[in-house]
Amino acid sequence: MQTVSLFDANTHLSRLIDQIATGAETEIVVSRNGEPVAGYGAMVMAV
């Protein structure tokens, strides 16, 4: 699990999404003023 600031998430959103899509990260937490406020994770698709 990686934690990034809101500024970094905004600046590097494409890179962060690529990390999740490739499996390099399973979850990314976005923090504002040191407090977690949002998160990104891989979606599990049922076939």
C-alpha atoms as a PDB file:
ATOM      1  CA  MET A   1       0.000   0.000   0.000  1.00  0.00           C
ATOM      2  CA  GLN A   2       1.350   3.361  -1.042  1.00  0.00           C
ATOM      3  CA  THR A   3       0.277   6.682   0.497  1.00  0.00           C
ATOM      4  CA  VAL A   4       0.521   9.897  -1.517  1.00  0.00           C
ATOM      5  CA  SER A   5      -0.464  13.487  -0.858  1.00  0.00           C
ATOM      6  CA  LEU A   6      -3.433  15.007  -2.652  1.00  0.00           C
ATOM      7  CA  PHE A   7      -1.036  17.209  -4.634  1.00  0.00           C
ATOM      8  CA  ASP A   8       1.049  14.215  -5.771  1.00  0.00           C
ATOM      9  CA  ALA A   9      -2.075  12.211  -6.647  1.00  0.00           C
ATOM     10  CA  ASN A  10      -3.296  15.083  -8.806  1.00  0.00           C
ATOM     11  CA  THR A  11       0.098  15.572 -10.444  1.00  0.00           C
ATOM     12  CA  HIS A  12       0.870  11.878 -11.067  1.00  0.00           C
ATOM     13  CA  LEU A  13      -2.568  10.300 -11.461  1.00  0.00           C
ATOM     14  CA  SER A  14      -1.687   8.445 -14.689  1.00  0.00           C
ATOM     15  CA  ARG A  15       1.447   6.926 -13.149  1.00  0.00           C
ATOM     16  CA  LEU A  16      -0.452   5.862 -10.025  1.00  0.00           C
ATOM     17  CA  ILE A  17      -3.212   4.218 -12.093  1.00  0.00           C
ATOM     18  CA  ASP A  18      -0.552   2.416 -14.160  1.00  0.00           C
ATOM     19  CA  GLN A  19       0.986   1.049 -10.941  1.00  0.00           C
ATOM     20  CA  ILE A  20      -2.368  -0.434  -9.944  1.00  0.00           C
ATOM     21  CA  ALA A  21      -3.153  -1.719 -13.449  1.00  0.00           C
ATOM     22  CA  THR A  22       0.187  -3.538 -13.707  1.00  0.00           C
ATOM     23  CA  GLY A  23      -0.021  -4.971 -10.191  1.00  0.00           C
ATOM     24  CA  ALA A  24       2.960  -3.007  -8.864  1.00  0.00           C
ATOM     25  CA  GLU A  25       0.615  -1.646  -6.161  1.00  0.00           C
ATOM     26  CA  THR A  26      -2.625  -3.122  -4.857  1.00  0.00           C
ATOM     27  CA  GLU A  27      -3.899   0.021  -3.137  1.00  0.00           C
ATOM     28  CA  ILE A  28      -3.010   3.712  -3.117  1.00  0.00           C
ATOM     29  CA  VAL A  29      -4.237   5.975  -0.306  1.00  0.00           C
ATOM     30  CA  VAL A  30      -4.552   9.714  -0.897  1.00  0.00           C
ATOM     31  CA  SER A  31      -4.016  11.965   2.105  1.00  0.00           C
ATOM     32  CA  ARG A  32      -4.757  15.606   2.799  1.00  0.00           C
ATOM     33  CA  ASN A  33      -2.818  17.238   5.633  1.00  0.00           C
ATOM     34  CA  GLY A  34      -1.594  13.801   6.666  1.00  0.00           C
ATOM     35  CA  GLU A  35      -5.092  12.307   6.987  1.00  0.00           C
ATOM     36  CA  PRO A  36      -6.329   9.631   4.557  1.00  0.00           C
ATOM     37  CA  VAL A  37      -9.257  10.935   2.491  1.00  0.00           C
ATOM     38  CA  ALA A  38      -9.509   8.619  -0.548  1.00  0.00           C
ATOM     39  CA  GLY A  39      -8.102   5.491  -2.061  1.00  0.00           C
ATOM     40  CA  TYR A  40      -7.526   3.712  -5.357  1.00  0.00           C
ATOM     41  CA  GLY A  41      -7.516  -0.041  -5.790  1.00  0.00           C
ATOM     42  CA  ALA A  42      -7.829  -2.663  -8.485  1.00  0.00           C
ATOM     43  CA  MET A  43     -11.304  -3.627  -9.591  1.00  0.00           C
ATOM     44  CA  VAL A  44     -12.231  -7.298  -9.624  1.00  0.00           C
ATOM     45  CA  MET A  45     -14.281  -8.099 -12.685  1.00  0.00           C
ATOM     46  CA  ALA A  46     -16.568 -11.131 -12.681  1.00  0.00           C
ATOM     47  CA  VAL A  47     -16.734 -12.963 -15.990  1.00  0.00           C
END
